[in-house]
């Protein structure tokens, strides 16, 4: 089954920073990031569409030509963009090594490729945090 998803490259701290609640499995680890592991955390919506009625943890999902082992399922979509309930979180190091510095969007038979740089990433700081 094909599903249009938002692929999010992130660090292990992303879960705590964005208050993502896991419903199954685990989030990405430092080891996953260091080793550039092909592991993924799916949103509940994505897991439900890709693996209806099944526990996806330990199963594989294909993104482009790469296979990722599902290690967890999160309750919410990507809290930064809120644009797509179907999100897949992978280690940022894996994303960079497998997909490079490009964002590829495919919609209705068209394809758009955008080059990005780390400076394009936004970081929100909580000034109330100690």
N, C-alpha and C. Protein backbone atom coordinates (compact mmCIF):
# COMPACT_ATOMS: atom_id res chain seq x y z
N UNK A 1 0.83 -1.18 0.00
CA UNK A 1 0.00 0.00 0.00
C UNK A 1 0.88 1.25 0.00
N UNK A 2 0.53 2.21 -0.82
CA UNK A 2 1.25 3.47 -0.84
C UNK A 2 0.50 4.50 -0.02
N UNK A 3 1.26 5.33 0.66
CA UNK A 3 0.68 6.37 1.50
C UNK A 3 1.59 7.58 1.44
N UNK A 4 1.01 8.75 1.22
CA UNK A 4 1.80 9.97 1.22
C UNK A 4 2.07 10.35 2.67
N UNK A 5 3.36 10.42 3.04
CA UNK A 5 3.73 10.70 4.42
C UNK A 5 4.70 11.87 4.49
N UNK A 6 4.82 12.42 5.68
CA UNK A 6 5.84 13.42 5.96
C UNK A 6 6.98 12.68 6.66
N UNK A 7 8.15 12.67 6.05
CA UNK A 7 9.32 12.02 6.63
C UNK A 7 10.08 13.06 7.43
N UNK A 8 10.28 12.78 8.73
CA UNK A 8 10.90 13.75 9.63
C UNK A 8 12.20 13.17 10.18
N UNK A 9 13.32 13.81 9.87
CA UNK A 9 14.60 13.42 10.44
C UNK A 9 14.78 14.15 11.76
N UNK A 10 15.02 13.40 12.83
CA UNK A 10 15.12 14.05 14.14
C UNK A 10 16.11 13.34 15.04
N UNK A 11 16.43 14.00 16.14
CA UNK A 11 17.31 13.47 17.17
C UNK A 11 16.46 12.81 18.26
N UNK A 12 17.05 11.98 19.10
CA UNK A 12 16.29 11.30 20.15
C UNK A 12 15.53 12.27 21.07
N UNK A 13 16.08 13.45 21.33
CA UNK A 13 15.42 14.42 22.20
C UNK A 13 14.14 15.02 21.64
N UNK A 14 13.87 14.78 20.37
CA UNK A 14 12.68 15.33 19.71
C UNK A 14 11.41 14.91 20.44
N UNK A 15 11.35 13.68 20.92
CA UNK A 15 10.16 13.19 21.61
C UNK A 15 9.83 14.05 22.82
N UNK A 16 10.82 14.31 23.66
CA UNK A 16 10.60 15.11 24.87
C UNK A 16 10.32 16.57 24.52
N UNK A 17 11.08 17.13 23.57
CA UNK A 17 10.91 18.53 23.20
C UNK A 17 9.52 18.81 22.65
N UNK A 18 8.98 17.86 21.91
CA UNK A 18 7.68 18.06 21.26
C UNK A 18 6.55 17.35 21.99
N UNK A 19 6.85 16.78 23.13
CA UNK A 19 5.86 16.12 23.97
C UNK A 19 5.07 15.05 23.20
N UNK A 20 5.81 14.23 22.45
CA UNK A 20 5.18 13.13 21.72
C UNK A 20 4.94 11.97 22.68
N UNK A 21 3.75 11.43 22.67
CA UNK A 21 3.41 10.30 23.52
C UNK A 21 3.50 9.02 22.71
N UNK A 22 4.27 8.07 23.21
CA UNK A 22 4.37 6.78 22.53
C UNK A 22 3.24 5.88 23.00
N UNK A 23 2.62 5.18 22.05
CA UNK A 23 1.58 4.22 22.41
C UNK A 23 2.09 2.79 22.27
N UNK A 24 3.13 2.61 21.47
CA UNK A 24 3.77 1.30 21.30
C UNK A 24 5.27 1.48 21.11
N UNK A 25 6.04 0.54 21.61
CA UNK A 25 7.48 0.52 21.36
C UNK A 25 8.25 1.64 22.02
N UNK A 26 9.24 2.14 21.29
CA UNK A 26 10.16 3.16 21.81
C UNK A 26 10.37 4.24 20.77
N UNK A 27 11.04 5.31 21.20
CA UNK A 27 11.41 6.36 20.27
C UNK A 27 12.83 6.09 19.79
N UNK A 28 13.35 6.95 18.97
CA UNK A 28 14.69 6.81 18.42
C UNK A 28 15.72 6.99 19.53
N UNK A 29 16.80 6.22 19.47
CA UNK A 29 17.84 6.27 20.50
C UNK A 29 19.12 6.93 19.98
N UNK A 30 20.01 7.23 20.91
CA UNK A 30 21.32 7.75 20.52
C UNK A 30 22.06 6.75 19.66
N UNK A 31 21.93 5.47 19.96
CA UNK A 31 22.57 4.41 19.18
C UNK A 31 22.04 4.42 17.74
N UNK A 32 20.71 4.59 17.59
CA UNK A 32 20.12 4.66 16.24
C UNK A 32 20.73 5.80 15.45
N UNK A 33 20.90 6.95 16.11
CA UNK A 33 21.46 8.12 15.45
C UNK A 33 22.93 7.91 15.12
N UNK A 34 23.69 7.42 16.08
CA UNK A 34 25.11 7.19 15.88
C UNK A 34 25.37 6.18 14.76
N UNK A 35 24.61 5.09 14.76
CA UNK A 35 24.82 4.01 13.78
C UNK A 35 24.06 4.22 12.47
N UNK A 36 23.31 5.30 12.38
CA UNK A 36 22.48 5.58 11.19
C UNK A 36 21.55 4.39 10.88
N UNK A 37 20.92 3.87 11.92
CA UNK A 37 20.04 2.71 11.76
C UNK A 37 18.80 3.05 10.95
N UNK A 38 18.33 2.09 10.19
CA UNK A 38 17.09 2.23 9.44
C UNK A 38 15.93 1.82 10.34
N UNK A 39 15.60 2.71 11.26
CA UNK A 39 14.49 2.48 12.18
C UNK A 39 13.54 3.66 12.07
N UNK A 40 12.28 3.44 12.44
CA UNK A 40 11.27 4.48 12.29
C UNK A 40 10.23 4.41 13.39
N UNK A 41 9.70 5.58 13.71
CA UNK A 41 8.55 5.71 14.59
C UNK A 41 7.43 6.28 13.72
N UNK A 42 6.29 5.61 13.71
CA UNK A 42 5.15 6.04 12.91
C UNK A 42 4.13 6.75 13.80
N UNK A 43 3.37 7.65 13.22
CA UNK A 43 2.22 8.18 13.95
C UNK A 43 1.14 7.10 13.95
N UNK A 44 0.21 7.21 14.89
CA UNK A 44 -0.89 6.24 14.96
C UNK A 44 -1.66 6.19 13.65
N UNK A 45 -1.87 7.36 13.05
CA UNK A 45 -2.62 7.41 11.79
C UNK A 45 -1.90 6.65 10.68
N UNK A 46 -0.58 6.86 10.58
CA UNK A 46 0.20 6.16 9.56
C UNK A 46 0.22 4.66 9.83
N UNK A 47 0.42 4.28 11.09
CA UNK A 47 0.45 2.85 11.45
C UNK A 47 -0.90 2.19 11.13
N UNK A 48 -1.98 2.89 11.43
CA UNK A 48 -3.31 2.35 11.16
C UNK A 48 -3.59 2.13 9.68
N UNK A 49 -3.08 3.02 8.85
CA UNK A 49 -3.28 2.89 7.40
C UNK A 49 -2.36 1.84 6.79
N UNK A 50 -1.10 1.80 7.26
CA UNK A 50 -0.13 0.86 6.69
C UNK A 50 -0.28 -0.55 7.23
N UNK A 51 -0.67 -0.67 8.49
CA UNK A 51 -0.76 -1.98 9.14
C UNK A 51 -2.09 -2.10 9.89
N UNK A 52 -3.22 -2.05 9.18
CA UNK A 52 -4.51 -2.06 9.86
C UNK A 52 -4.70 -3.32 10.73
N UNK A 53 -5.06 -3.08 12.00
CA UNK A 53 -5.34 -4.19 12.91
C UNK A 53 -4.12 -4.96 13.38
N UNK A 54 -2.92 -4.46 13.08
CA UNK A 54 -1.69 -5.17 13.46
C UNK A 54 -0.79 -4.28 14.29
N UNK A 55 0.02 -4.90 15.12
CA UNK A 55 1.06 -4.19 15.86
C UNK A 55 2.24 -4.04 14.89
N UNK A 56 2.59 -2.81 14.49
CA UNK A 56 3.64 -2.64 13.48
C UNK A 56 5.07 -2.76 14.02
N UNK A 57 5.25 -2.74 15.35
CA UNK A 57 6.60 -2.78 15.91
C UNK A 57 7.29 -4.07 15.47
N UNK A 58 8.47 -3.91 14.88
CA UNK A 58 9.23 -5.04 14.37
C UNK A 58 9.00 -5.32 12.89
N UNK A 59 7.96 -4.71 12.32
CA UNK A 59 7.68 -4.87 10.89
C UNK A 59 8.44 -3.82 10.10
N UNK A 60 8.51 -3.98 8.79
CA UNK A 60 9.24 -3.04 7.95
C UNK A 60 8.30 -2.19 7.12
N UNK A 61 8.72 -0.96 6.91
CA UNK A 61 8.01 -0.04 6.03
C UNK A 61 9.03 0.47 5.02
N UNK A 62 8.59 0.60 3.77
CA UNK A 62 9.51 1.08 2.73
C UNK A 62 9.25 2.56 2.47
N UNK A 63 10.32 3.33 2.49
CA UNK A 63 10.27 4.74 2.14
C UNK A 63 11.24 4.91 0.98
N UNK A 64 10.70 5.31 -0.17
CA UNK A 64 11.47 5.35 -1.41
C UNK A 64 12.03 3.94 -1.64
N UNK A 65 13.34 3.78 -1.70
CA UNK A 65 13.91 2.44 -1.91
C UNK A 65 14.53 1.88 -0.63
N UNK A 66 14.28 2.52 0.48
CA UNK A 66 14.87 2.12 1.76
C UNK A 66 13.83 1.44 2.65
N UNK A 67 14.25 0.40 3.35
CA UNK A 67 13.38 -0.28 4.30
C UNK A 67 13.75 0.12 5.71
N UNK A 68 12.74 0.42 6.53
CA UNK A 68 12.93 0.83 7.91
C UNK A 68 12.15 -0.10 8.83
N UNK A 69 12.78 -0.53 9.92
CA UNK A 69 12.10 -1.34 10.92
C UNK A 69 11.36 -0.40 11.87
N UNK A 70 10.08 -0.66 12.05
CA UNK A 70 9.27 0.16 12.95
C UNK A 70 9.64 -0.20 14.39
N UNK A 71 10.05 0.81 15.17
CA UNK A 71 10.41 0.58 16.57
C UNK A 71 9.40 1.21 17.53
N UNK A 72 8.51 2.06 17.01
CA UNK A 72 7.53 2.69 17.87
C UNK A 72 6.41 3.35 17.11
N UNK A 73 5.36 3.68 17.87
CA UNK A 73 4.20 4.38 17.32
C UNK A 73 3.87 5.53 18.27
N UNK A 74 3.74 6.74 17.72
CA UNK A 74 3.43 7.92 18.54
C UNK A 74 1.97 8.33 18.35
N UNK A 75 1.43 8.93 19.39
CA UNK A 75 0.02 9.33 19.37
C UNK A 75 -0.25 10.47 18.40
N UNK A 76 0.60 11.48 18.38
CA UNK A 76 0.33 12.68 17.60
C UNK A 76 1.14 12.75 16.32
N UNK A 77 0.68 13.63 15.44
CA UNK A 77 1.42 13.90 14.21
C UNK A 77 2.60 14.81 14.54
N UNK A 78 3.33 15.20 13.52
CA UNK A 78 4.47 16.10 13.69
C UNK A 78 3.96 17.42 14.28
N UNK A 79 4.32 17.75 15.52
CA UNK A 79 3.81 18.96 16.16
C UNK A 79 4.34 20.26 15.59
N UNK A 80 5.40 20.19 14.81
CA UNK A 80 5.97 21.41 14.24
C UNK A 80 5.15 21.88 13.05
N UNK A 81 4.83 20.96 12.14
CA UNK A 81 4.13 21.38 10.93
C UNK A 81 2.62 21.22 11.03
N UNK A 82 2.16 20.25 11.79
CA UNK A 82 0.74 19.93 11.88
C UNK A 82 0.10 19.75 10.51
N UNK A 83 0.91 19.52 9.49
CA UNK A 83 0.39 19.46 8.13
C UNK A 83 -0.02 18.06 7.72
N UNK A 84 0.49 17.06 8.39
CA UNK A 84 0.25 15.72 7.92
C UNK A 84 0.16 14.76 9.11
N UNK A 85 -0.99 14.15 9.27
CA UNK A 85 -1.17 13.17 10.35
C UNK A 85 -0.35 11.92 10.07
N UNK A 86 0.05 11.73 8.82
CA UNK A 86 0.84 10.57 8.44
C UNK A 86 2.32 10.94 8.44
N UNK A 87 2.95 10.86 9.60
CA UNK A 87 4.36 11.20 9.72
C UNK A 87 5.17 9.97 10.10
N UNK A 88 6.41 9.93 9.62
CA UNK A 88 7.36 8.88 9.96
C UNK A 88 8.62 9.58 10.45
N UNK A 89 9.03 9.27 11.69
CA UNK A 89 10.22 9.86 12.29
C UNK A 89 11.38 8.88 12.16
N UNK A 90 12.50 9.37 11.62
CA UNK A 90 13.71 8.55 11.50
C UNK A 90 14.89 9.36 12.04
N UNK A 91 16.00 8.70 12.39
CA UNK A 91 17.17 9.46 12.86
C UNK A 91 17.63 10.44 11.78
N UNK A 92 17.97 11.65 12.20
CA UNK A 92 18.39 12.67 11.23
C UNK A 92 19.65 12.23 10.48
N UNK A 93 20.54 11.51 11.16
CA UNK A 93 21.75 11.03 10.50
C UNK A 93 21.42 10.01 9.41
N UNK A 94 20.42 9.19 9.66
CA UNK A 94 19.97 8.22 8.66
C UNK A 94 19.35 8.94 7.48
N UNK A 95 18.52 9.93 7.78
CA UNK A 95 17.87 10.69 6.71
C UNK A 95 18.90 11.35 5.80
N UNK A 96 19.90 11.98 6.41
CA UNK A 96 20.92 12.66 5.61
C UNK A 96 21.73 11.67 4.78
N UNK A 97 22.10 10.52 5.37
CA UNK A 97 22.93 9.57 4.64
C UNK A 97 22.15 8.81 3.56
N UNK A 98 20.85 8.60 3.76
CA UNK A 98 20.05 7.85 2.78
C UNK A 98 19.43 8.73 1.71
N UNK A 99 19.05 9.96 2.11
CA UNK A 99 18.31 10.82 1.20
C UNK A 99 19.03 12.11 0.84
N UNK A 100 20.14 12.41 1.49
CA UNK A 100 20.91 13.61 1.17
C UNK A 100 20.28 14.87 1.71
N UNK A 101 20.58 15.96 1.07
CA UNK A 101 20.11 17.28 1.51
C UNK A 101 18.99 17.80 0.62
N UNK A 102 18.12 16.90 0.21
CA UNK A 102 17.03 17.30 -0.68
C UNK A 102 15.70 16.88 -0.10
N UNK A 103 14.70 17.68 -0.36
CA UNK A 103 13.33 17.32 -0.03
C UNK A 103 12.67 16.98 -1.36
N UNK A 104 12.13 15.78 -1.46
CA UNK A 104 11.46 15.36 -2.68
C UNK A 104 9.97 15.24 -2.39
N UNK A 105 9.15 15.98 -3.13
CA UNK A 105 7.70 15.93 -2.97
C UNK A 105 7.08 15.37 -4.24
N UNK A 106 6.24 14.37 -4.08
CA UNK A 106 5.52 13.80 -5.23
C UNK A 106 4.04 13.94 -4.99
N UNK A 107 3.36 14.58 -5.94
CA UNK A 107 1.92 14.76 -5.84
C UNK A 107 1.32 14.65 -7.23
N UNK A 108 0.31 13.82 -7.35
CA UNK A 108 -0.47 13.70 -8.58
C UNK A 108 0.39 13.66 -9.84
N UNK A 109 1.40 12.81 -9.83
CA UNK A 109 2.22 12.59 -11.01
C UNK A 109 3.32 13.61 -11.23
N UNK A 110 3.47 14.59 -10.34
CA UNK A 110 4.55 15.56 -10.48
C UNK A 110 5.57 15.34 -9.37
N UNK A 111 6.76 15.82 -9.58
CA UNK A 111 7.80 15.68 -8.57
C UNK A 111 8.53 17.01 -8.43
N UNK A 112 8.74 17.44 -7.20
CA UNK A 112 9.46 18.66 -6.91
C UNK A 112 10.63 18.33 -6.01
N UNK A 113 11.83 18.80 -6.36
CA UNK A 113 13.03 18.56 -5.56
C UNK A 113 13.55 19.91 -5.07
N UNK A 114 13.76 20.02 -3.76
CA UNK A 114 14.25 21.25 -3.16
C UNK A 114 15.51 20.93 -2.37
N UNK A 115 16.57 21.69 -2.60
CA UNK A 115 17.78 21.53 -1.81
C UNK A 115 17.63 22.33 -0.52
N UNK A 116 18.08 21.73 0.58
CA UNK A 116 18.00 22.41 1.87
C UNK A 116 19.35 22.38 2.55
N UNK A 117 19.52 23.27 3.48
CA UNK A 117 20.73 23.31 4.29
C UNK A 117 20.32 23.30 5.74
N UNK A 118 21.23 22.91 6.61
CA UNK A 118 20.93 22.86 8.03
C UNK A 118 20.41 24.22 8.52
N UNK A 119 20.86 25.31 7.92
CA UNK A 119 20.40 26.63 8.34
C UNK A 119 18.91 26.83 8.09
N UNK A 120 18.30 25.98 7.25
CA UNK A 120 16.88 26.08 6.98
C UNK A 120 16.02 25.48 8.09
N UNK A 121 16.64 24.81 9.05
CA UNK A 121 15.91 24.16 10.13
C UNK A 121 15.60 25.19 11.21
N UNK A 122 14.36 25.22 11.67
CA UNK A 122 13.96 26.15 12.73
C UNK A 122 14.01 25.45 14.07
N UNK A 123 14.47 26.15 15.08
CA UNK A 123 14.50 25.64 16.43
C UNK A 123 13.74 26.61 17.31
N UNK A 124 12.84 26.09 18.13
CA UNK A 124 12.06 26.93 19.04
C UNK A 124 12.60 26.71 20.44
N UNK A 125 12.97 27.80 21.11
CA UNK A 125 13.49 27.71 22.47
C UNK A 125 12.41 28.14 23.45
N UNK A 126 12.27 27.39 24.54
CA UNK A 126 11.34 27.72 25.58
C UNK A 126 12.09 28.54 26.63
N UNK A 127 11.86 29.82 26.67
CA UNK A 127 12.58 30.68 27.60
C UNK A 127 12.15 30.45 29.05
N UNK A 128 11.03 29.79 29.26
CA UNK A 128 10.56 29.48 30.61
C UNK A 128 11.20 28.25 31.20
N UNK A 129 11.90 27.48 30.36
CA UNK A 129 12.56 26.25 30.84
C UNK A 129 13.76 26.64 31.70
N UNK A 130 14.02 25.85 32.72
CA UNK A 130 15.15 26.17 33.60
C UNK A 130 16.46 25.68 33.06
